[in-house]
Amino acid sequence: ASKPMIKLLNQQKTIAGYECIAYQVSINTKSEKASLLCWVTKDTVAVKHANMPFFSIFSAGSIGIPGNPKRLVLAFEGISEGTPVQLIVESITPHVEKMGWNNYKIMNMPSI
């Protein structure tokens, strides 16, 4: 699989009480096309979360975002395979496997 193209953007915002920075993540292969704006925590977040296939959240390292791999992706929006994608973590309970998502639905996720 081809690695995604990742670009740090000069954008910041607070999501679920955590300071986040924006990254543009793009995939363009014969089998997959996606362009996502990913909001990543500036610092690690002490939260337990489930692993694949029933994950509760992405870590920055799991999609190749540089820096501390244990930071979390708290929101992403964009287009994957021609379908709009938008997920935002609305709440996090530290040290517990509990997160609140908006717009949660089953969808095709990019294989970043």
N, C-alpha and C. Protein backbone atom coordinates (compact mmCIF):
# COMPACT_ATOMS: atom_id res chain seq x y z
N ALA A 1 0.84 -1.19 0.00
CA ALA A 1 0.00 0.00 0.00
C ALA A 1 0.88 1.24 0.00
N SER A 2 0.41 2.23 -0.68
CA SER A 2 1.14 3.49 -0.77
C SER A 2 0.90 4.31 0.49
N LYS A 3 1.93 5.03 0.93
CA LYS A 3 1.78 5.88 2.11
C LYS A 3 0.98 7.12 1.75
N PRO A 4 0.18 7.60 2.69
CA PRO A 4 -0.57 8.83 2.42
C PRO A 4 0.36 10.04 2.40
N MET A 5 -0.04 11.08 1.67
CA MET A 5 0.67 12.35 1.71
C MET A 5 0.09 13.13 2.88
N ILE A 6 0.96 13.65 3.74
CA ILE A 6 0.52 14.34 4.94
C ILE A 6 1.16 15.71 5.00
N LYS A 7 0.33 16.73 5.24
CA LYS A 7 0.83 18.10 5.31
C LYS A 7 0.28 18.77 6.56
N LEU A 8 1.18 19.32 7.39
CA LEU A 8 0.79 20.10 8.56
C LEU A 8 0.22 21.43 8.09
N LEU A 9 -0.94 21.79 8.60
CA LEU A 9 -1.57 23.06 8.24
C LEU A 9 -1.44 24.04 9.39
N ASN A 10 -1.55 25.30 9.10
CA ASN A 10 -1.43 26.34 10.13
C ASN A 10 -2.81 26.65 10.70
N GLN A 11 -3.46 25.62 11.27
CA GLN A 11 -4.79 25.76 11.85
C GLN A 11 -4.83 25.06 13.19
N GLN A 12 -5.52 25.65 14.16
CA GLN A 12 -5.67 25.07 15.48
C GLN A 12 -7.10 25.28 15.96
N LYS A 13 -7.62 24.34 16.75
CA LYS A 13 -8.90 24.53 17.41
C LYS A 13 -9.01 23.53 18.55
N THR A 14 -9.97 23.79 19.44
CA THR A 14 -10.21 22.92 20.58
C THR A 14 -11.37 21.99 20.26
N ILE A 15 -11.14 20.70 20.49
CA ILE A 15 -12.17 19.68 20.28
C ILE A 15 -12.27 18.85 21.55
N ALA A 16 -13.45 18.72 22.10
CA ALA A 16 -13.70 17.95 23.33
C ALA A 16 -12.76 18.37 24.46
N GLY A 17 -12.39 19.66 24.47
CA GLY A 17 -11.53 20.18 25.52
C GLY A 17 -10.04 20.02 25.28
N TYR A 18 -9.64 19.50 24.12
CA TYR A 18 -8.22 19.26 23.81
C TYR A 18 -7.78 20.16 22.65
N GLU A 19 -6.62 20.79 22.82
CA GLU A 19 -6.05 21.60 21.75
C GLU A 19 -5.60 20.69 20.61
N CYS A 20 -6.02 21.02 19.40
CA CYS A 20 -5.71 20.19 18.24
C CYS A 20 -5.09 21.03 17.13
N ILE A 21 -4.31 20.37 16.28
CA ILE A 21 -3.72 20.98 15.10
C ILE A 21 -4.18 20.19 13.87
N ALA A 22 -4.25 20.86 12.73
CA ALA A 22 -4.79 20.26 11.52
C ALA A 22 -3.70 19.70 10.61
N TYR A 23 -4.02 18.56 10.01
CA TYR A 23 -3.18 17.94 8.99
C TYR A 23 -4.06 17.60 7.81
N GLN A 24 -3.56 17.83 6.59
CA GLN A 24 -4.23 17.37 5.38
C GLN A 24 -3.65 16.00 5.04
N VAL A 25 -4.50 15.01 4.92
CA VAL A 25 -4.07 13.65 4.60
C VAL A 25 -4.71 13.26 3.27
N SER A 26 -3.86 12.91 2.29
CA SER A 26 -4.36 12.57 0.96
C SER A 26 -3.85 11.21 0.54
N ILE A 27 -4.74 10.44 -0.08
CA ILE A 27 -4.40 9.13 -0.64
C ILE A 27 -4.87 9.15 -2.08
N ASN A 28 -4.01 8.74 -2.98
CA ASN A 28 -4.39 8.69 -4.38
C ASN A 28 -3.69 7.52 -5.04
N THR A 29 -4.33 6.37 -4.99
CA THR A 29 -3.80 5.16 -5.61
C THR A 29 -4.83 4.66 -6.62
N LYS A 30 -4.47 3.60 -7.35
CA LYS A 30 -5.41 3.01 -8.30
C LYS A 30 -6.65 2.49 -7.60
N SER A 31 -6.48 2.00 -6.36
CA SER A 31 -7.61 1.38 -5.66
C SER A 31 -8.31 2.29 -4.67
N GLU A 32 -7.72 3.46 -4.38
CA GLU A 32 -8.31 4.29 -3.34
C GLU A 32 -7.98 5.77 -3.54
N LYS A 33 -8.97 6.61 -3.28
CA LYS A 33 -8.77 8.06 -3.33
C LYS A 33 -9.46 8.66 -2.11
N ALA A 34 -8.74 9.49 -1.37
CA ALA A 34 -9.31 10.16 -0.20
C ALA A 34 -8.54 11.44 0.06
N SER A 35 -9.25 12.43 0.56
CA SER A 35 -8.64 13.68 0.99
C SER A 35 -9.34 14.08 2.28
N LEU A 36 -8.59 14.08 3.39
CA LEU A 36 -9.18 14.32 4.70
C LEU A 36 -8.43 15.41 5.45
N LEU A 37 -9.17 16.25 6.14
CA LEU A 37 -8.61 17.19 7.09
C LEU A 37 -8.72 16.51 8.45
N CYS A 38 -7.58 16.21 9.06
CA CYS A 38 -7.54 15.50 10.34
C CYS A 38 -7.10 16.45 11.45
N TRP A 39 -7.86 16.47 12.56
CA TRP A 39 -7.54 17.29 13.72
C TRP A 39 -6.92 16.39 14.77
N VAL A 40 -5.65 16.67 15.11
CA VAL A 40 -4.85 15.81 15.98
C VAL A 40 -4.51 16.56 17.26
N THR A 41 -4.62 15.88 18.40
CA THR A 41 -4.28 16.52 19.67
C THR A 41 -2.82 16.95 19.67
N LYS A 42 -2.53 18.07 20.31
CA LYS A 42 -1.14 18.53 20.43
C LYS A 42 -0.35 17.61 21.35
N ASP A 43 -1.01 17.04 22.34
CA ASP A 43 -0.35 16.17 23.32
C ASP A 43 -1.04 14.81 23.35
N THR A 44 -0.44 13.85 24.02
CA THR A 44 -1.08 12.55 24.19
C THR A 44 -2.29 12.72 25.11
N VAL A 45 -3.24 11.84 24.97
CA VAL A 45 -4.45 11.85 25.79
C VAL A 45 -4.52 10.50 26.50
N ALA A 46 -4.65 10.53 27.81
CA ALA A 46 -4.70 9.30 28.60
C ALA A 46 -6.09 8.70 28.51
N VAL A 47 -6.30 7.89 27.50
CA VAL A 47 -7.60 7.26 27.29
C VAL A 47 -7.37 5.85 26.79
N LYS A 48 -8.16 4.92 27.29
CA LYS A 48 -8.12 3.55 26.77
C LYS A 48 -9.07 3.53 25.58
N HIS A 49 -8.70 2.79 24.56
CA HIS A 49 -9.62 2.66 23.44
C HIS A 49 -9.46 1.31 22.80
N ALA A 50 -10.54 0.86 22.20
CA ALA A 50 -10.56 -0.46 21.59
C ALA A 50 -9.71 -0.49 20.33
N ASN A 51 -9.30 -1.69 19.94
CA ASN A 51 -8.50 -1.87 18.74
C ASN A 51 -9.37 -2.40 17.60
N MET A 52 -8.80 -2.44 16.42
CA MET A 52 -9.50 -2.94 15.25
C MET A 52 -9.98 -4.36 15.53
N PRO A 53 -11.05 -4.86 14.95
CA PRO A 53 -11.79 -4.15 13.91
C PRO A 53 -12.83 -3.18 14.45
N PHE A 54 -13.08 -3.20 15.75
CA PHE A 54 -14.10 -2.32 16.33
C PHE A 54 -13.42 -1.22 17.12
N PHE A 55 -12.70 -0.35 16.41
CA PHE A 55 -11.93 0.70 17.06
C PHE A 55 -12.84 1.82 17.54
N SER A 56 -12.36 2.57 18.50
CA SER A 56 -13.13 3.72 18.97
C SER A 56 -12.50 5.03 18.55
N ILE A 57 -11.22 5.01 18.16
CA ILE A 57 -10.55 6.26 17.77
C ILE A 57 -9.26 5.91 17.05
N PHE A 58 -8.78 6.82 16.20
CA PHE A 58 -7.50 6.66 15.52
C PHE A 58 -6.41 7.32 16.33
N SER A 59 -5.24 6.70 16.38
CA SER A 59 -4.07 7.38 16.91
C SER A 59 -3.36 8.04 15.73
N ALA A 60 -2.61 9.10 16.01
CA ALA A 60 -1.88 9.79 14.94
C ALA A 60 -0.90 8.84 14.26
N GLY A 61 -0.25 7.99 15.04
CA GLY A 61 0.73 7.05 14.49
C GLY A 61 0.11 6.04 13.55
N SER A 62 -1.14 5.64 13.81
CA SER A 62 -1.77 4.61 12.98
C SER A 62 -2.04 5.08 11.56
N ILE A 63 -2.09 6.40 11.35
CA ILE A 63 -2.29 6.89 9.98
C ILE A 63 -1.07 7.61 9.44
N GLY A 64 0.05 7.52 10.17
CA GLY A 64 1.31 8.04 9.66
C GLY A 64 1.57 9.50 9.90
N ILE A 65 0.81 10.14 10.78
CA ILE A 65 1.05 11.56 11.08
C ILE A 65 2.32 11.67 11.92
N PRO A 66 3.26 12.52 11.52
CA PRO A 66 4.54 12.61 12.22
C PRO A 66 4.40 13.18 13.63
N GLY A 67 5.41 12.93 14.44
CA GLY A 67 5.40 13.38 15.83
C GLY A 67 5.02 12.23 16.75
N ASN A 68 4.59 12.54 17.94
CA ASN A 68 4.24 11.52 18.91
C ASN A 68 3.10 10.66 18.37
N PRO A 69 3.32 9.35 18.18
CA PRO A 69 2.30 8.50 17.58
C PRO A 69 1.10 8.25 18.50
N LYS A 70 1.20 8.62 19.78
CA LYS A 70 0.10 8.36 20.71
C LYS A 70 -0.87 9.52 20.83
N ARG A 71 -0.67 10.57 20.03
CA ARG A 71 -1.67 11.63 19.98
C ARG A 71 -2.91 11.07 19.28
N LEU A 72 -4.05 11.70 19.49
CA LEU A 72 -5.30 11.17 18.93
C LEU A 72 -5.85 12.05 17.82
N VAL A 73 -6.49 11.42 16.86
CA VAL A 73 -7.22 12.14 15.81
C VAL A 73 -8.65 12.31 16.34
N LEU A 74 -9.00 13.55 16.71
CA LEU A 74 -10.31 13.80 17.31
C LEU A 74 -11.38 14.20 16.30
N ALA A 75 -10.97 14.51 15.08
CA ALA A 75 -11.96 14.83 14.05
C ALA A 75 -11.33 14.64 12.68
N PHE A 76 -12.15 14.24 11.74
CA PHE A 76 -11.72 14.27 10.36
C PHE A 76 -12.91 14.52 9.46
N GLU A 77 -12.63 15.21 8.37
CA GLU A 77 -13.67 15.54 7.42
C GLU A 77 -13.06 15.60 6.04
N GLY A 78 -13.85 15.27 5.05
CA GLY A 78 -13.36 15.31 3.68
C GLY A 78 -14.12 14.35 2.80
N ILE A 79 -13.42 13.80 1.81
CA ILE A 79 -14.02 12.91 0.82
C ILE A 79 -13.21 11.62 0.77
N SER A 80 -13.90 10.49 0.83
CA SER A 80 -13.27 9.18 0.67
C SER A 80 -14.07 8.41 -0.37
N GLU A 81 -13.42 8.04 -1.47
CA GLU A 81 -14.07 7.32 -2.56
C GLU A 81 -15.34 8.04 -3.03
N GLY A 82 -15.26 9.38 -3.09
CA GLY A 82 -16.37 10.17 -3.57
C GLY A 82 -17.49 10.40 -2.56
N THR A 83 -17.33 9.86 -1.36
CA THR A 83 -18.36 9.99 -0.32
C THR A 83 -17.89 10.95 0.75
N PRO A 84 -18.72 11.92 1.13
CA PRO A 84 -18.33 12.83 2.22
C PRO A 84 -18.17 12.06 3.53
N VAL A 85 -17.15 12.43 4.28
CA VAL A 85 -16.85 11.81 5.57
C VAL A 85 -16.70 12.93 6.59
N GLN A 86 -17.36 12.78 7.75
CA GLN A 86 -17.15 13.74 8.83
C GLN A 86 -17.43 13.04 10.16
N LEU A 87 -16.44 13.01 11.01
CA LEU A 87 -16.57 12.48 12.36
C LEU A 87 -15.87 13.41 13.32
N ILE A 88 -16.50 13.70 14.44
CA ILE A 88 -15.91 14.56 15.46
C ILE A 88 -16.15 13.94 16.82
N VAL A 89 -15.11 13.80 17.61
CA VAL A 89 -15.26 13.34 18.99
C VAL A 89 -15.88 14.50 19.77
N GLU A 90 -16.98 14.23 20.43
CA GLU A 90 -17.65 15.27 21.20
C GLU A 90 -17.26 15.23 22.68
N SER A 91 -16.86 14.06 23.16
CA SER A 91 -16.46 13.96 24.57
C SER A 91 -15.52 12.78 24.75
N ILE A 92 -14.65 12.90 25.75
CA ILE A 92 -13.72 11.83 26.12
C ILE A 92 -13.74 11.71 27.63
N THR A 93 -13.86 10.48 28.11
CA THR A 93 -13.74 10.22 29.54
C THR A 93 -12.38 9.56 29.73
N PRO A 94 -11.37 10.29 30.25
CA PRO A 94 -10.02 9.72 30.39
C PRO A 94 -10.00 8.43 31.19
N HIS A 95 -9.11 7.53 30.81
CA HIS A 95 -8.87 6.25 31.47
C HIS A 95 -10.07 5.30 31.39
N VAL A 96 -11.01 5.58 30.53
CA VAL A 96 -12.19 4.74 30.37
C VAL A 96 -12.43 4.56 28.87
N GLU A 97 -12.96 3.41 28.47
CA GLU A 97 -13.25 3.18 27.06
C GLU A 97 -14.59 3.83 26.72
N LYS A 98 -14.63 5.15 26.75
CA LYS A 98 -15.88 5.85 26.46
C LYS A 98 -15.60 7.15 25.71
N MET A 99 -16.21 7.27 24.54
CA MET A 99 -16.11 8.47 23.75
C MET A 99 -17.45 8.74 23.11
N GLY A 100 -17.76 10.00 22.91
CA GLY A 100 -18.99 10.35 22.23
C GLY A 100 -18.66 10.93 20.86
N TRP A 101 -19.27 10.37 19.81
CA TRP A 101 -19.05 10.82 18.44
C TRP A 101 -20.29 11.49 17.90
N ASN A 102 -20.11 12.46 17.02
CA ASN A 102 -21.24 12.99 16.27
C ASN A 102 -21.29 12.26 14.94
N ASN A 103 -22.40 12.27 14.29
CA ASN A 103 -22.54 11.73 12.92
C ASN A 103 -22.00 10.32 12.75
N TYR A 104 -22.03 9.49 13.80
CA TYR A 104 -21.44 8.16 13.66
C TYR A 104 -22.30 7.32 12.73
N LYS A 105 -21.66 6.73 11.73
CA LYS A 105 -22.33 5.80 10.86
C LYS A 105 -21.29 4.89 10.25
N ILE A 106 -21.73 3.73 9.82
CA ILE A 106 -20.82 2.80 9.15
C ILE A 106 -20.53 3.36 7.77
N MET A 107 -19.25 3.37 7.40
CA MET A 107 -18.88 3.93 6.10
C MET A 107 -17.59 3.28 5.63
N ASN A 108 -17.26 3.50 4.38
CA ASN A 108 -15.97 3.04 3.87
C ASN A 108 -14.91 3.98 4.39
N MET A 109 -13.95 3.44 5.12
CA MET A 109 -12.88 4.25 5.67
C MET A 109 -11.63 4.07 4.82
N PRO A 110 -10.87 5.11 4.63
CA PRO A 110 -9.62 4.96 3.89
C PRO A 110 -8.68 4.02 4.62
N SER A 111 -7.93 3.24 3.90
CA SER A 111 -7.02 2.28 4.54
C SER A 111 -5.67 2.92 4.80
N ILE A 112 -5.67 4.01 5.54
CA ILE A 112 -4.45 4.75 5.82
C ILE A 112 -3.57 3.94 6.74
